[in-house]
Amino acid sequence: MSQDKRAASGDEKRAEEKADDMSMNQEKAAVSTAASARFASSALDGEAAEAIARQLKTTYGKLLDEPVPDKFLQLLDALGSADDAAQTDERGKKSSQNKG
């Protein structure tokens, strides 16, 4: 391999490593943000948490009593069937691998 190609290959590798580092930093920031949010929510005093819960129940309580639309039920059934088929297929593959 020529020296130019090796240099280009090294540059590409450094660029990939830098992209991986940036991705890892973004993931760490997301985890840190989520942890901060959990801490902040756990820091609410009991009275504030109860007030929020009451307001949410007032706002969304009626929604819980509404029936689920037929289209959503059909979609859930289809997803359940697809999931069952995938699990059955996966079990079949494992079974055949154990035999072989």
C-alpha atoms as a PDB file:
ATOM      1  CA  MET A   1       0.000   0.000   0.000  1.00  0.00           C
ATOM      2  CA  SER A   2       1.401   3.388  -0.919  1.00  0.00           C
ATOM      3  CA  GLN A   3       2.126   6.007   1.690  1.00  0.00           C
ATOM      4  CA  ASP A   4      -0.678   8.264   0.355  1.00  0.00           C
ATOM      5  CA  LYS A   5      -3.210   5.443   0.655  1.00  0.00           C
ATOM      6  CA  ARG A   6      -2.045   4.657   4.184  1.00  0.00           C
ATOM      7  CA  ALA A   7      -2.391   8.321   5.143  1.00  0.00           C
ATOM      8  CA  ALA A   8      -5.875   8.482   3.651  1.00  0.00           C
ATOM      9  CA  SER A   9      -6.790   5.260   5.447  1.00  0.00           C
ATOM     10  CA  GLY A  10      -5.511   6.729   8.712  1.00  0.00           C
ATOM     11  CA  ASP A  11      -7.506   9.907   8.150  1.00  0.00           C
ATOM     12  CA  GLU A  12     -10.655   7.870   7.531  1.00  0.00           C
ATOM     13  CA  LYS A  13     -10.052   5.864  10.686  1.00  0.00           C
ATOM     14  CA  ARG A  14      -9.590   9.037  12.749  1.00  0.00           C
ATOM     15  CA  ALA A  15     -12.777  10.493  11.261  1.00  0.00           C
ATOM     16  CA  GLU A  16     -14.686   7.325  12.185  1.00  0.00           C
ATOM     17  CA  GLU A  17     -13.279   7.401  15.712  1.00  0.00           C
ATOM     18  CA  LYS A  18     -14.248  11.071  16.045  1.00  0.00           C
ATOM     19  CA  ALA A  19     -17.800  10.277  14.855  1.00  0.00           C
ATOM     20  CA  ASP A  20     -17.997   7.395  17.355  1.00  0.00           C
ATOM     21  CA  ASP A  21     -16.809   9.710  20.144  1.00  0.00           C
ATOM     22  CA  MET A  22     -19.400  12.334  19.191  1.00  0.00           C
ATOM     23  CA  SER A  23     -22.125   9.698  19.141  1.00  0.00           C
ATOM     24  CA  MET A  24     -21.048   8.426  22.547  1.00  0.00           C
ATOM     25  CA  ASN A  25     -21.042  11.970  23.939  1.00  0.00           C
ATOM     26  CA  GLN A  26     -24.578  12.521  22.640  1.00  0.00           C
ATOM     27  CA  GLU A  27     -25.718   9.297  24.301  1.00  0.00           C
ATOM     28  CA  LYS A  28     -24.094  10.330  27.574  1.00  0.00           C
ATOM     29  CA  ALA A  29     -25.807  13.721  27.386  1.00  0.00           C
ATOM     30  CA  ALA A  30     -29.186  12.061  26.798  1.00  0.00           C
ATOM     31  CA  VAL A  31     -28.686   9.756  29.777  1.00  0.00           C
ATOM     32  CA  SER A  32     -27.599  12.677  31.927  1.00  0.00           C
ATOM     33  CA  THR A  33     -30.659  14.702  30.898  1.00  0.00           C
ATOM     34  CA  ALA A  34     -32.972  11.797  31.665  1.00  0.00           C
ATOM     35  CA  ALA A  35     -31.328  11.289  35.056  1.00  0.00           C
ATOM     36  CA  SER A  36     -31.711  14.988  35.841  1.00  0.00           C
ATOM     37  CA  ALA A  37     -35.388  14.866  34.909  1.00  0.00           C
ATOM     38  CA  ARG A  38     -35.951  11.831  37.158  1.00  0.00           C
ATOM     39  CA  PHE A  39     -34.182  13.579  40.023  1.00  0.00           C
ATOM     40  CA  ALA A  40     -36.207  16.763  39.530  1.00  0.00           C
ATOM     41  CA  SER A  41     -39.485  14.848  39.463  1.00  0.00           C
ATOM     42  CA  SER A  42     -38.563  12.917  42.604  1.00  0.00           C
ATOM     43  CA  ALA A  43     -37.699  16.198  44.307  1.00  0.00           C
ATOM     44  CA  LEU A  44     -41.312  17.440  44.104  1.00  0.00           C
ATOM     45  CA  ASP A  45     -42.868  17.782  47.503  1.00  0.00           C
ATOM     46  CA  GLY A  46     -45.957  15.729  48.240  1.00  0.00           C
ATOM     47  CA  GLU A  47     -48.358  18.667  47.913  1.00  0.00           C
ATOM     48  CA  ALA A  48     -47.080  19.653  44.461  1.00  0.00           C
ATOM     49  CA  ALA A  49     -47.177  16.050  43.249  1.00  0.00           C
ATOM     50  CA  GLU A  50     -50.755  15.657  44.490  1.00  0.00           C
ATOM     51  CA  ALA A  51     -51.805  18.883  42.759  1.00  0.00           C
ATOM     52  CA  ILE A  52     -50.280  17.705  39.495  1.00  0.00           C
ATOM     53  CA  ALA A  53     -51.951  14.296  39.840  1.00  0.00           C
ATOM     54  CA  ARG A  54     -55.354  15.928  40.472  1.00  0.00           C
ATOM     55  CA  GLN A  55     -54.975  18.171  37.438  1.00  0.00           C
ATOM     56  CA  LEU A  56     -53.941  15.272  35.205  1.00  0.00           C
ATOM     57  CA  LYS A  57     -56.902  13.191  36.395  1.00  0.00           C
ATOM     58  CA  THR A  58     -59.240  16.115  35.728  1.00  0.00           C
ATOM     59  CA  THR A  59     -57.790  16.678  32.272  1.00  0.00           C
ATOM     60  CA  TYR A  60     -57.442  13.094  31.098  1.00  0.00           C
ATOM     61  CA  GLY A  61     -59.874  11.155  33.306  1.00  0.00           C
ATOM     62  CA  LYS A  62     -62.684  11.299  30.747  1.00  0.00           C
ATOM     63  CA  LEU A  63     -60.358   9.943  28.091  1.00  0.00           C
ATOM     64  CA  LEU A  64     -59.861   6.747  30.082  1.00  0.00           C
ATOM     65  CA  ASP A  65     -63.603   6.041  29.940  1.00  0.00           C
ATOM     66  CA  GLU A  66     -63.802   6.350  26.158  1.00  0.00           C
ATOM     67  CA  PRO A  67     -63.793   3.139  24.111  1.00  0.00           C
ATOM     68  CA  VAL A  68     -60.767   2.225  22.050  1.00  0.00           C
ATOM     69  CA  PRO A  69     -61.494   2.885  18.352  1.00  0.00           C
ATOM     70  CA  ASP A  70     -62.026  -0.253  16.241  1.00  0.00           C
ATOM     71  CA  LYS A  71     -59.145   0.707  13.929  1.00  0.00           C
ATOM     72  CA  PHE A  72     -56.715   0.681  16.879  1.00  0.00           C
ATOM     73  CA  LEU A  73     -58.002  -2.708  18.025  1.00  0.00           C
ATOM     74  CA  GLN A  74     -57.497  -4.076  14.513  1.00  0.00           C
ATOM     75  CA  LEU A  75     -53.949  -2.714  14.450  1.00  0.00           C
ATOM     76  CA  LEU A  76     -53.196  -4.224  17.845  1.00  0.00           C
ATOM     77  CA  ASP A  77     -54.542  -7.595  16.693  1.00  0.00           C
ATOM     78  CA  ALA A  78     -52.389  -7.421  13.554  1.00  0.00           C
ATOM     79  CA  LEU A  79     -49.300  -6.531  15.585  1.00  0.00           C
ATOM     80  CA  GLY A  80     -50.023  -9.339  18.024  1.00  0.00           C
ATOM     81  CA  SER A  81     -50.388 -11.834  15.180  1.00  0.00           C
ATOM     82  CA  ALA A  82     -47.141 -10.662  13.576  1.00  0.00           C
ATOM     83  CA  ASP A  83     -45.347 -10.901  16.927  1.00  0.00           C
ATOM     84  CA  ASP A  84     -46.714 -14.408  17.535  1.00  0.00           C
ATOM     85  CA  ALA A  85     -45.606 -15.490  14.060  1.00  0.00           C
ATOM     86  CA  ALA A  86     -42.109 -14.065  14.624  1.00  0.00           C
ATOM     87  CA  GLN A  87     -41.787 -15.861  17.966  1.00  0.00           C
ATOM     88  CA  THR A  88     -42.991 -19.140  16.426  1.00  0.00           C
ATOM     89  CA  ASP A  89     -40.505 -18.723  13.572  1.00  0.00           C
ATOM     90  CA  GLU A  90     -37.705 -17.974  16.029  1.00  0.00           C
ATOM     91  CA  ARG A  91     -38.549 -21.074  18.096  1.00  0.00           C
ATOM     92  CA  GLY A  92     -38.510 -23.164  14.919  1.00  0.00           C
ATOM     93  CA  LYS A  93     -35.060 -21.891  14.004  1.00  0.00           C
ATOM     94  CA  LYS A  94     -33.694 -22.648  17.489  1.00  0.00           C
ATOM     95  CA  SER A  95     -35.243 -26.108  17.436  1.00  0.00           C
ATOM     96  CA  SER A  96     -33.699 -26.935  14.066  1.00  0.00           C
ATOM     97  CA  GLN A  97     -30.316 -25.600  15.186  1.00  0.00           C
ATOM     98  CA  ASN A  98     -30.394 -27.819  18.278  1.00  0.00           C
ATOM     99  CA  LYS A  99     -31.125 -30.873  16.130  1.00  0.00           C
ATOM    100  CA  GLY A 100     -28.286 -30.113  13.737  1.00  0.00           C
END
